[in-house]
Amino acid sequence: EICPDIAVRSSFVVGFPGETEDDFRYLLDWLEEAQLDRVGGFRFEP
């Protein structure tokens, strides 16, 4: 609302220990609402 042209980028980790299908769907729903401009994804790696 203050700065309509702001671009927000982030990164997300999938497959973190204990992540359930419900947790992952929560993330997808959150991303649909957040509408981030740039997103990087990573598979959890020990």
All heavy atoms as atom14 arrays in JSON, in Angstrom:
{
  "sequence": "EICPDIAVRSSFVVGFPGETEDDFRYLLDWLEEAQLDRVGGFRFEP",
  "atom14_mask": [
    [1, 1, 1, 1, 1, 1, 1, 1, 1, 0, 0, 0, 0, 0],
    [1, 1, 1, 1, 1, 1, 1, 1, 0, 0, 0, 0, 0, 0],
    [1, 1, 1, 1, 1, 1, 0, 0, 0, 0, 0, 0, 0, 0],
    [1, 1, 1, 1, 1, 1, 1, 0, 0, 0, 0, 0, 0, 0],
    [1, 1, 1, 1, 1, 1, 1, 1, 0, 0, 0, 0, 0, 0],
    [1, 1, 1, 1, 1, 1, 1, 1, 0, 0, 0, 0, 0, 0],
    [1, 1, 1, 1, 1, 0, 0, 0, 0, 0, 0, 0, 0, 0],
    [1, 1, 1, 1, 1, 1, 1, 0, 0, 0, 0, 0, 0, 0],
    [1, 1, 1, 1, 1, 1, 1, 1, 1, 1, 1, 0, 0, 0],
    [1, 1, 1, 1, 1, 1, 0, 0, 0, 0, 0, 0, 0, 0],
    [1, 1, 1, 1, 1, 1, 0, 0, 0, 0, 0, 0, 0, 0],
    [1, 1, 1, 1, 1, 1, 1, 1, 1, 1, 1, 0, 0, 0],
    [1, 1, 1, 1, 1, 1, 1, 0, 0, 0, 0, 0, 0, 0],
    [1, 1, 1, 1, 1, 1, 1, 0, 0, 0, 0, 0, 0, 0],
    [1, 1, 1, 1, 0, 0, 0, 0, 0, 0, 0, 0, 0, 0],
    [1, 1, 1, 1, 1, 1, 1, 1, 1, 1, 1, 0, 0, 0],
    [1, 1, 1, 1, 1, 1, 1, 0, 0, 0, 0, 0, 0, 0],
    [1, 1, 1, 1, 0, 0, 0, 0, 0, 0, 0, 0, 0, 0],
    [1, 1, 1, 1, 1, 1, 1, 1, 1, 0, 0, 0, 0, 0],
    [1, 1, 1, 1, 1, 1, 1, 0, 0, 0, 0, 0, 0, 0],
    [1, 1, 1, 1, 1, 1, 1, 1, 1, 0, 0, 0, 0, 0],
    [1, 1, 1, 1, 1, 1, 1, 1, 0, 0, 0, 0, 0, 0],
    [1, 1, 1, 1, 1, 1, 1, 1, 0, 0, 0, 0, 0, 0],
    [1, 1, 1, 1, 1, 1, 1, 1, 1, 1, 1, 0, 0, 0],
    [1, 1, 1, 1, 1, 1, 1, 1, 1, 1, 1, 0, 0, 0],
    [1, 1, 1, 1, 1, 1, 1, 1, 1, 1, 1, 1, 0, 0],
    [1, 1, 1, 1, 1, 1, 1, 1, 0, 0, 0, 0, 0, 0],
    [1, 1, 1, 1, 1, 1, 1, 1, 0, 0, 0, 0, 0, 0],
    [1, 1, 1, 1, 1, 1, 1, 1, 0, 0, 0, 0, 0, 0],
    [1, 1, 1, 1, 1, 1, 1, 1, 1, 1, 1, 1, 1, 1],
    [1, 1, 1, 1, 1, 1, 1, 1, 0, 0, 0, 0, 0, 0],
    [1, 1, 1, 1, 1, 1, 1, 1, 1, 0, 0, 0, 0, 0],
    [1, 1, 1, 1, 1, 1, 1, 1, 1, 0, 0, 0, 0, 0],
    [1, 1, 1, 1, 1, 0, 0, 0, 0, 0, 0, 0, 0, 0],
    [1, 1, 1, 1, 1, 1, 1, 1, 1, 0, 0, 0, 0, 0],
    [1, 1, 1, 1, 1, 1, 1, 1, 0, 0, 0, 0, 0, 0],
    [1, 1, 1, 1, 1, 1, 1, 1, 0, 0, 0, 0, 0, 0],
    [1, 1, 1, 1, 1, 1, 1, 1, 1, 1, 1, 0, 0, 0],
    [1, 1, 1, 1, 1, 1, 1, 0, 0, 0, 0, 0, 0, 0],
    [1, 1, 1, 1, 0, 0, 0, 0, 0, 0, 0, 0, 0, 0],
    [1, 1, 1, 1, 0, 0, 0, 0, 0, 0, 0, 0, 0, 0],
    [1, 1, 1, 1, 1, 1, 1, 1, 1, 1, 1, 0, 0, 0],
    [1, 1, 1, 1, 1, 1, 1, 1, 1, 1, 1, 0, 0, 0],
    [1, 1, 1, 1, 1, 1, 1, 1, 1, 1, 1, 0, 0, 0],
    [1, 1, 1, 1, 1, 1, 1, 1, 1, 0, 0, 0, 0, 0],
    [1, 1, 1, 1, 1, 1, 1, 0, 0, 0, 0, 0, 0, 0]
  ],
  "atom14_positions": [
    [[0.83, -1.2, 0.0], [0.0, 0.0, 0.0], [0.87, 1.26, 0.0], [0.53, 2.25, -0.64], [-0.93, -0.01, 1.22], [-2.04, -1.05, 1.12], [-2.86, -1.16, 2.41], [-2.45, -0.51, 3.41], [-3.86, -1.88, 2.41], [0.0, 0.0, 0.0], [0.0, 0.0, 0.0], [0.0, 0.0, 0.0], [0.0, 0.0, 0.0], [0.0, 0.0, 0.0]],
    [[1.98, 1.22, 0.73], [2.9, 2.36, 0.78], [3.72, 2.46, -0.49], [3.92, 3.56, -1.03], [3.83, 2.24, 2.01], [3.01, 2.29, 3.3], [4.89, 3.34, 2.0], [3.81, 1.93, 4.55], [0.0, 0.0, 0.0], [0.0, 0.0, 0.0], [0.0, 0.0, 0.0], [0.0, 0.0, 0.0], [0.0, 0.0, 0.0], [0.0, 0.0, 0.0]],
    [[4.22, 1.33, -0.97], [5.1, 1.3, -2.14], [4.62, 0.2, -3.08], [5.08, -0.95, -3.0], [6.54, 1.05, -1.71], [7.74, 1.08, -3.05], [0.0, 0.0, 0.0], [0.0, 0.0, 0.0], [0.0, 0.0, 0.0], [0.0, 0.0, 0.0], [0.0, 0.0, 0.0], [0.0, 0.0, 0.0], [0.0, 0.0, 0.0], [0.0, 0.0, 0.0]],
    [[3.69, 0.51, -3.98], [3.1, -0.53, -4.85], [4.11, -1.3, -5.69], [3.85, -2.45, -6.06], [2.13, 0.27, -5.74], [1.81, 1.49, -4.93], [3.06, 1.83, -4.19], [0.0, 0.0, 0.0], [0.0, 0.0, 0.0], [0.0, 0.0, 0.0], [0.0, 0.0, 0.0], [0.0, 0.0, 0.0], [0.0, 0.0, 0.0], [0.0, 0.0, 0.0]],
    [[5.26, -0.69, -6.0], [6.24, -1.35, -6.86], [7.24, -2.21, -6.1], [8.17, -2.76, -6.7], [7.01, -0.31, -7.69], [6.18, 0.24, -8.83], [5.27, -0.47, -9.3], [6.44, 1.39, -9.25], [0.0, 0.0, 0.0], [0.0, 0.0, 0.0], [0.0, 0.0, 0.0], [0.0, 0.0, 0.0], [0.0, 0.0, 0.0], [0.0, 0.0, 0.0]],
    [[7.08, -2.35, -4.79], [8.06, -3.13, -4.03], [8.08, -4.58, -4.53], [7.04, -5.19, -4.79], [7.75, -3.09, -2.51], [8.89, -3.76, -1.73], [6.42, -3.73, -2.19], [8.77, -3.62, -0.22], [0.0, 0.0, 0.0], [0.0, 0.0, 0.0], [0.0, 0.0, 0.0], [0.0, 0.0, 0.0], [0.0, 0.0, 0.0], [0.0, 0.0, 0.0]],
    [[9.29, -5.11, -4.7], [9.48, -6.51, -5.08], [10.05, -7.25, -3.88], [11.04, -6.8, -3.28], [10.43, -6.62, -6.26], [0.0, 0.0, 0.0], [0.0, 0.0, 0.0], [0.0, 0.0, 0.0], [0.0, 0.0, 0.0], [0.0, 0.0, 0.0], [0.0, 0.0, 0.0], [0.0, 0.0, 0.0], [0.0, 0.0, 0.0], [0.0, 0.0, 0.0]],
    [[9.44, -8.36, -3.52], [9.91, -9.16, -2.39], [10.36, -10.52, -2.91], [9.61, -11.2, -3.61], [8.8, -9.34, -1.34], [9.31, -10.19, -0.17], [8.32, -7.99, -0.84], [0.0, 0.0, 0.0], [0.0, 0.0, 0.0], [0.0, 0.0, 0.0], [0.0, 0.0, 0.0], [0.0, 0.0, 0.0], [0.0, 0.0, 0.0], [0.0, 0.0, 0.0]],
    [[11.6, -10.86, -2.61], [12.11, -12.17, -2.98], [12.39, -12.96, -1.72], [12.65, -12.4, -0.66], [13.36, -12.05, -3.86], [14.66, -12.2, -3.1], [15.89, -12.49, -3.95], [15.68, -13.41, -5.03], [15.81, -14.73, -4.93], [16.07, -15.3, -3.77], [15.67, -15.49, -6.0], [0.0, 0.0, 0.0], [0.0, 0.0, 0.0], [0.0, 0.0, 0.0]],
    [[12.33, -14.28, -1.82], [12.65, -15.12, -0.68], [13.05, -16.5, -1.18], [13.03, -16.79, -2.38], [11.45, -15.23, 0.27], [11.84, -15.85, 1.48], [0.0, 0.0, 0.0], [0.0, 0.0, 0.0], [0.0, 0.0, 0.0], [0.0, 0.0, 0.0], [0.0, 0.0, 0.0], [0.0, 0.0, 0.0], [0.0, 0.0, 0.0], [0.0, 0.0, 0.0]],
    [[13.43, -17.34, -0.25], [13.76, -18.73, -0.56], [13.09, -19.62, 0.48], [12.86, -19.22, 1.62], [15.28, -18.95, -0.55], [15.83, -18.56, 0.69], [0.0, 0.0, 0.0], [0.0, 0.0, 0.0], [0.0, 0.0, 0.0], [0.0, 0.0, 0.0], [0.0, 0.0, 0.0], [0.0, 0.0, 0.0], [0.0, 0.0, 0.0], [0.0, 0.0, 0.0]],
    [[12.76, -20.85, 0.04], [12.03, -21.78, 0.88], [12.65, -23.17, 0.79], [13.12, -23.58, -0.27], [10.56, -21.84, 0.47], [9.84, -20.53, 0.67], [9.87, -19.55, -0.3], [9.17, -20.27, 1.85], [9.24, -18.33, -0.11], [8.53, -19.05, 2.06], [8.57, -18.08, 1.07], [0.0, 0.0, 0.0], [0.0, 0.0, 0.0], [0.0, 0.0, 0.0]],
    [[12.64, -23.86, 1.92], [13.19, -25.21, 2.02], [12.03, -26.2, 2.08], [11.12, -26.04, 2.91], [14.07, -25.36, 3.26], [14.58, -26.79, 3.39], [15.22, -24.37, 3.22], [0.0, 0.0, 0.0], [0.0, 0.0, 0.0], [0.0, 0.0, 0.0], [0.0, 0.0, 0.0], [0.0, 0.0, 0.0], [0.0, 0.0, 0.0], [0.0, 0.0, 0.0]],
    [[12.05, -27.2, 1.21], [11.04, -28.26, 1.27], [11.71, -29.54, 1.76], [12.9, -29.75, 1.57], [10.38, -28.51, -0.11], [9.67, -27.26, -0.59], [11.4, -28.97, -1.13], [0.0, 0.0, 0.0], [0.0, 0.0, 0.0], [0.0, 0.0, 0.0], [0.0, 0.0, 0.0], [0.0, 0.0, 0.0], [0.0, 0.0, 0.0], [0.0, 0.0, 0.0]],
    [[10.92, -30.38, 2.43], [11.45, -31.65, 2.92], [12.23, -31.54, 4.2], [13.03, -32.44, 4.52], [0.0, 0.0, 0.0], [0.0, 0.0, 0.0], [0.0, 0.0, 0.0], [0.0, 0.0, 0.0], [0.0, 0.0, 0.0], [0.0, 0.0, 0.0], [0.0, 0.0, 0.0], [0.0, 0.0, 0.0], [0.0, 0.0, 0.0], [0.0, 0.0, 0.0]],
    [[12.02, -30.46, 4.97], [12.68, -30.37, 6.27], [12.16, -31.49, 7.17], [10.99, -31.88, 7.06], [12.41, -29.0, 6.91], [13.23, -28.73, 8.13], [14.55, -28.31, 8.02], [12.7, -28.89, 9.41], [15.32, -28.07, 9.14], [13.46, -28.66, 10.54], [14.77, -28.24, 10.41], [0.0, 0.0, 0.0], [0.0, 0.0, 0.0], [0.0, 0.0, 0.0]],
    [[13.0, -32.05, 8.04], [12.55, -33.16, 8.88], [11.23, -32.86, 9.59], [11.08, -31.82, 10.23], [13.7, -33.32, 9.89], [14.91, -32.87, 9.12], [14.44, -31.75, 8.26], [0.0, 0.0, 0.0], [0.0, 0.0, 0.0], [0.0, 0.0, 0.0], [0.0, 0.0, 0.0], [0.0, 0.0, 0.0], [0.0, 0.0, 0.0], [0.0, 0.0, 0.0]],
    [[10.29, -33.79, 9.46], [8.99, -33.64, 10.09], [7.97, -32.9, 9.25], [6.8, -32.81, 9.65], [0.0, 0.0, 0.0], [0.0, 0.0, 0.0], [0.0, 0.0, 0.0], [0.0, 0.0, 0.0], [0.0, 0.0, 0.0], [0.0, 0.0, 0.0], [0.0, 0.0, 0.0], [0.0, 0.0, 0.0], [0.0, 0.0, 0.0], [0.0, 0.0, 0.0]],
    [[8.36, -32.36, 8.08], [7.41, -31.66, 7.23], [6.37, -32.65, 6.71], [6.7, -33.63, 6.04], [8.12, -30.99, 6.06], [7.17, -30.2, 5.15], [7.83, -29.78, 3.85], [8.33, -30.68, 3.11], [7.87, -28.57, 3.57], [0.0, 0.0, 0.0], [0.0, 0.0, 0.0], [0.0, 0.0, 0.0], [0.0, 0.0, 0.0], [0.0, 0.0, 0.0]],
    [[5.11, -32.39, 7.01], [4.03, -33.26, 6.56], [3.43, -32.7, 5.27], [3.72, -31.58, 4.86], [2.93, -33.36, 7.62], [2.33, -32.06, 7.78], [3.49, -33.83, 8.96], [0.0, 0.0, 0.0], [0.0, 0.0, 0.0], [0.0, 0.0, 0.0], [0.0, 0.0, 0.0], [0.0, 0.0, 0.0], [0.0, 0.0, 0.0], [0.0, 0.0, 0.0]],
    [[2.55, -33.5, 4.66], [1.86, -33.01, 3.47], [1.0, -31.8, 3.82], [0.92, -30.85, 3.03], [0.99, -34.13, 2.88], [0.18, -33.71, 1.66], [1.03, -33.29, 0.47], [2.23, -33.66, 0.41], [0.5, -32.57, -0.41], [0.0, 0.0, 0.0], [0.0, 0.0, 0.0], [0.0, 0.0, 0.0], [0.0, 0.0, 0.0], [0.0, 0.0, 0.0]],
    [[0.41, -31.8, 5.0], [-0.38, -30.64, 5.43], [0.5, -29.4, 5.58], [0.09, -28.29, 5.21], [-1.1, -30.92, 6.74], [-2.3, -31.85, 6.56], [-2.75, -32.02, 5.4], [-2.78, -32.4, 7.57], [0.0, 0.0, 0.0], [0.0, 0.0, 0.0], [0.0, 0.0, 0.0], [0.0, 0.0, 0.0], [0.0, 0.0, 0.0], [0.0, 0.0, 0.0]],
    [[1.71, -29.59, 6.13], [2.64, -28.47, 6.26], [2.98, -27.9, 4.89], [3.02, -26.68, 4.69], [3.94, -28.92, 6.93], [3.77, -29.26, 8.4], [2.87, -28.68, 9.04], [4.54, -30.12, 8.9], [0.0, 0.0, 0.0], [0.0, 0.0, 0.0], [0.0, 0.0, 0.0], [0.0, 0.0, 0.0], [0.0, 0.0, 0.0], [0.0, 0.0, 0.0]],
    [[3.24, -28.79, 3.94], [3.63, -28.33, 2.61], [2.47, -27.61, 1.92], [2.67, -26.58, 1.27], [4.12, -29.51, 1.76], [4.55, -29.09, 0.38], [5.69, -28.34, 0.2], [3.79, -29.44, -0.73], [6.09, -27.93, -1.07], [4.17, -29.03, -2.0], [5.32, -28.28, -2.16], [0.0, 0.0, 0.0], [0.0, 0.0, 0.0], [0.0, 0.0, 0.0]],
    [[1.27, -28.14, 2.06], [0.1, -27.47, 1.47], [-0.11, -26.1, 2.11], [-0.53, -25.15, 1.44], [-1.14, -28.34, 1.64], [-1.16, -29.56, 0.74], [-2.39, -30.42, 1.0], [-2.43, -31.59, 0.12], [-3.29, -32.58, 0.26], [-4.2, -32.54, 1.23], [-3.26, -33.61, -0.57], [0.0, 0.0, 0.0], [0.0, 0.0, 0.0], [0.0, 0.0, 0.0]],
    [[0.18, -25.99, 3.41], [0.09, -24.7, 4.1], [1.03, -23.72, 3.43], [0.68, -22.55, 3.19], [0.45, -24.88, 5.58], [0.2, -23.67, 6.45], [-0.89, -23.61, 7.31], [1.05, -22.56, 6.41], [-1.12, -22.51, 8.12], [0.83, -21.45, 7.2], [-0.26, -21.43, 8.06], [-0.49, -20.33, 8.84], [0.0, 0.0, 0.0], [0.0, 0.0, 0.0]],
    [[2.25, -24.16, 3.14], [3.22, -23.31, 2.46], [2.7, -22.85, 1.11], [2.79, -21.66, 0.76], [4.55, -24.06, 2.3], [5.61, -23.39, 1.42], [5.98, -22.01, 1.95], [6.85, -24.27, 1.3], [0.0, 0.0, 0.0], [0.0, 0.0, 0.0], [0.0, 0.0, 0.0], [0.0, 0.0, 0.0], [0.0, 0.0, 0.0], [0.0, 0.0, 0.0]],
    [[2.15, -23.78, 0.33], [1.63, -23.4, -1.0], [0.49, -22.4, -0.88], [0.43, -21.42, -1.65], [1.16, -24.64, -1.75], [2.23, -25.66, -2.15], [1.58, -26.79, -2.95], [3.35, -25.02, -2.96], [0.0, 0.0, 0.0], [0.0, 0.0, 0.0], [0.0, 0.0, 0.0], [0.0, 0.0, 0.0], [0.0, 0.0, 0.0], [0.0, 0.0, 0.0]],
    [[-0.41, -22.6, 0.08], [-1.51, -21.66, 0.28], [-0.98, -20.29, 0.69], [-1.48, -19.25, 0.24], [-2.48, -22.19, 1.34], [-3.27, -23.41, 0.87], [-3.33, -23.64, -0.36], [-3.81, -24.14, 1.73], [0.0, 0.0, 0.0], [0.0, 0.0, 0.0], [0.0, 0.0, 0.0], [0.0, 0.0, 0.0], [0.0, 0.0, 0.0], [0.0, 0.0, 0.0]],
    [[0.03, -20.3, 1.55], [0.64, -19.04, 2.01], [1.26, -18.29, 0.83], [1.1, -17.07, 0.7], [1.68, -19.34, 3.08], [2.24, -18.13, 3.77], [1.76, -17.54, 4.9], [3.4, -17.38, 3.37], [2.54, -16.46, 5.23], [3.55, -16.33, 4.32], [4.31, -17.48, 2.33], [4.58, -15.41, 4.24], [5.33, -16.55, 2.24], [5.48, -15.52, 3.19]],
    [[1.94, -19.03, -0.03], [2.56, -18.4, -1.2], [1.51, -17.82, -2.14], [1.72, -16.74, -2.73], [3.43, -19.41, -1.94], [4.75, -19.77, -1.26], [5.37, -21.0, -1.91], [5.72, -18.6, -1.31], [0.0, 0.0, 0.0], [0.0, 0.0, 0.0], [0.0, 0.0, 0.0], [0.0, 0.0, 0.0], [0.0, 0.0, 0.0], [0.0, 0.0, 0.0]],
    [[0.39, -18.49, -2.29], [-0.69, -17.96, -3.14], [-1.19, -16.63, -2.6], [-1.51, -15.72, -3.36], [-1.85, -18.96, -3.22], [-1.54, -20.24, -3.97], [-1.45, -20.08, -5.48], [-1.64, -18.95, -5.98], [-1.2, -21.09, -6.16], [0.0, 0.0, 0.0], [0.0, 0.0, 0.0], [0.0, 0.0, 0.0], [0.0, 0.0, 0.0], [0.0, 0.0, 0.0]],
    [[-1.24, -16.51, -1.28], [-1.7, -15.26, -0.69], [-0.6, -14.21, -0.67], [-0.86, -13.03, -0.9], [-2.21, -15.49, 0.73], [-2.88, -14.28, 1.34], [-3.62, -14.58, 2.63], [-3.73, -15.78, 2.98], [-4.1, -13.62, 3.27], [0.0, 0.0, 0.0], [0.0, 0.0, 0.0], [0.0, 0.0, 0.0], [0.0, 0.0, 0.0], [0.0, 0.0, 0.0]],
    [[0.63, -14.62, -0.4], [1.73, -13.66, -0.3], [2.1, -13.06, -1.65], [2.52, -11.9, -1.72], [2.96, -14.35, 0.3], [0.0, 0.0, 0.0], [0.0, 0.0, 0.0], [0.0, 0.0, 0.0], [0.0, 0.0, 0.0], [0.0, 0.0, 0.0], [0.0, 0.0, 0.0], [0.0, 0.0, 0.0], [0.0, 0.0, 0.0], [0.0, 0.0, 0.0]],
    [[1.98, -13.84, -2.74], [2.28, -13.34, -4.08], [3.68, -12.7, -4.14], [3.86, -11.55, -4.59], [1.22, -12.35, -4.54], [-0.14, -12.96, -4.82], [-0.15, -13.77, -6.12], [0.07, -13.23, -7.21], [-0.41, -15.06, -5.99], [0.0, 0.0, 0.0], [0.0, 0.0, 0.0], [0.0, 0.0, 0.0], [0.0, 0.0, 0.0], [0.0, 0.0, 0.0]],
    [[4.68, -13.44, -3.68], [6.05, -12.94, -3.73], [6.51, -12.83, -5.18], [6.13, -13.62, -6.04], [6.97, -13.87, -2.95], [6.63, -14.08, -1.47], [7.67, -14.98, -0.81], [6.51, -12.76, -0.73], [0.0, 0.0, 0.0], [0.0, 0.0, 0.0], [0.0, 0.0, 0.0], [0.0, 0.0, 0.0], [0.0, 0.0, 0.0], [0.0, 0.0, 0.0]],
    [[7.4, -11.86, -5.42], [7.83, -11.59, -6.79], [8.87, -12.57, -7.28], [8.87, -12.97, -8.45], [8.38, -10.16, -6.87], [7.33, -9.13, -6.51], [7.14, -8.88, -5.3], [6.68, -8.6, -7.42], [0.0, 0.0, 0.0], [0.0, 0.0, 0.0], [0.0, 0.0, 0.0], [0.0, 0.0, 0.0], [0.0, 0.0, 0.0], [0.0, 0.0, 0.0]],
    [[9.79, -12.93, -6.41], [10.88, -13.84, -6.77], [11.04, -14.88, -5.68], [11.11, -14.54, -4.49], [12.21, -13.08, -6.94], [12.19, -11.99, -8.01], [12.01, -12.57, -9.39], [12.24, -11.59, -10.45], [12.01, -11.81, -11.72], [11.5, -12.98, -12.11], [12.26, -10.88, -12.63], [0.0, 0.0, 0.0], [0.0, 0.0, 0.0], [0.0, 0.0, 0.0]],
    [[11.11, -16.15, -6.07], [11.21, -17.22, -5.08], [12.26, -18.24, -5.53], [12.25, -18.69, -6.68], [9.86, -17.92, -4.86], [10.03, -19.16, -3.97], [8.85, -16.97, -4.23], [0.0, 0.0, 0.0], [0.0, 0.0, 0.0], [0.0, 0.0, 0.0], [0.0, 0.0, 0.0], [0.0, 0.0, 0.0], [0.0, 0.0, 0.0], [0.0, 0.0, 0.0]],
    [[13.12, -18.6, -4.6], [14.05, -19.69, -4.82], [13.65, -20.87, -3.96], [13.17, -20.69, -2.83], [0.0, 0.0, 0.0], [0.0, 0.0, 0.0], [0.0, 0.0, 0.0], [0.0, 0.0, 0.0], [0.0, 0.0, 0.0], [0.0, 0.0, 0.0], [0.0, 0.0, 0.0], [0.0, 0.0, 0.0], [0.0, 0.0, 0.0], [0.0, 0.0, 0.0]],
    [[13.82, -22.08, -4.46], [13.45, -23.27, -3.72], [14.63, -24.2, -3.52], [15.51, -24.29, -4.38], [0.0, 0.0, 0.0], [0.0, 0.0, 0.0], [0.0, 0.0, 0.0], [0.0, 0.0, 0.0], [0.0, 0.0, 0.0], [0.0, 0.0, 0.0], [0.0, 0.0, 0.0], [0.0, 0.0, 0.0], [0.0, 0.0, 0.0], [0.0, 0.0, 0.0]],
    [[14.66, -24.86, -2.38], [15.74, -25.79, -2.06], [15.17, -27.04, -1.41], [14.24, -26.97, -0.61], [16.75, -25.14, -1.1], [17.4, -23.9, -1.64], [16.84, -22.66, -1.41], [18.55, -23.99, -2.41], [17.42, -21.52, -1.92], [19.14, -22.85, -2.92], [18.58, -21.61, -2.68], [0.0, 0.0, 0.0], [0.0, 0.0, 0.0], [0.0, 0.0, 0.0]],
    [[15.72, -28.17, -1.77], [15.42, -29.4, -1.06], [16.29, -29.45, 0.18], [17.48, -29.11, 0.11], [15.71, -30.61, -1.95], [15.07, -30.55, -3.34], [15.82, -31.47, -4.29], [15.43, -31.32, -5.67], [15.93, -30.39, -6.5], [16.82, -29.52, -6.06], [15.54, -30.34, -7.75], [0.0, 0.0, 0.0], [0.0, 0.0, 0.0], [0.0, 0.0, 0.0]],
    [[15.71, -29.84, 1.32], [16.51, -29.91, 2.54], [17.69, -30.86, 2.34], [17.55, -31.97, 1.84], [15.67, -30.4, 3.73], [16.5, -30.68, 4.94], [17.03, -29.64, 5.68], [16.79, -31.99, 5.33], [17.83, -29.89, 6.8], [17.58, -32.26, 6.44], [18.1, -31.21, 7.17], [0.0, 0.0, 0.0], [0.0, 0.0, 0.0], [0.0, 0.0, 0.0]],
    [[18.84, -30.4, 2.76], [20.07, -31.18, 2.63], [20.8, -31.16, 3.95], [21.1, -30.07, 4.48], [20.95, -30.58, 1.53], [22.22, -31.34, 1.26], [23.04, -30.7, 0.13], [22.42, -30.15, -0.79], [24.27, -30.75, 0.2], [0.0, 0.0, 0.0], [0.0, 0.0, 0.0], [0.0, 0.0, 0.0], [0.0, 0.0, 0.0], [0.0, 0.0, 0.0]],
    [[21.09, -32.31, 4.55], [21.82, -32.32, 5.83], [23.18, -31.65, 5.7], [23.86, -31.77, 4.68], [21.97, -33.81, 6.14], [20.92, -34.49, 5.33], [20.77, -33.67, 4.08], [0.0, 0.0, 0.0], [0.0, 0.0, 0.0], [0.0, 0.0, 0.0], [0.0, 0.0, 0.0], [0.0, 0.0, 0.0], [0.0, 0.0, 0.0], [0.0, 0.0, 0.0]]
  ]
}
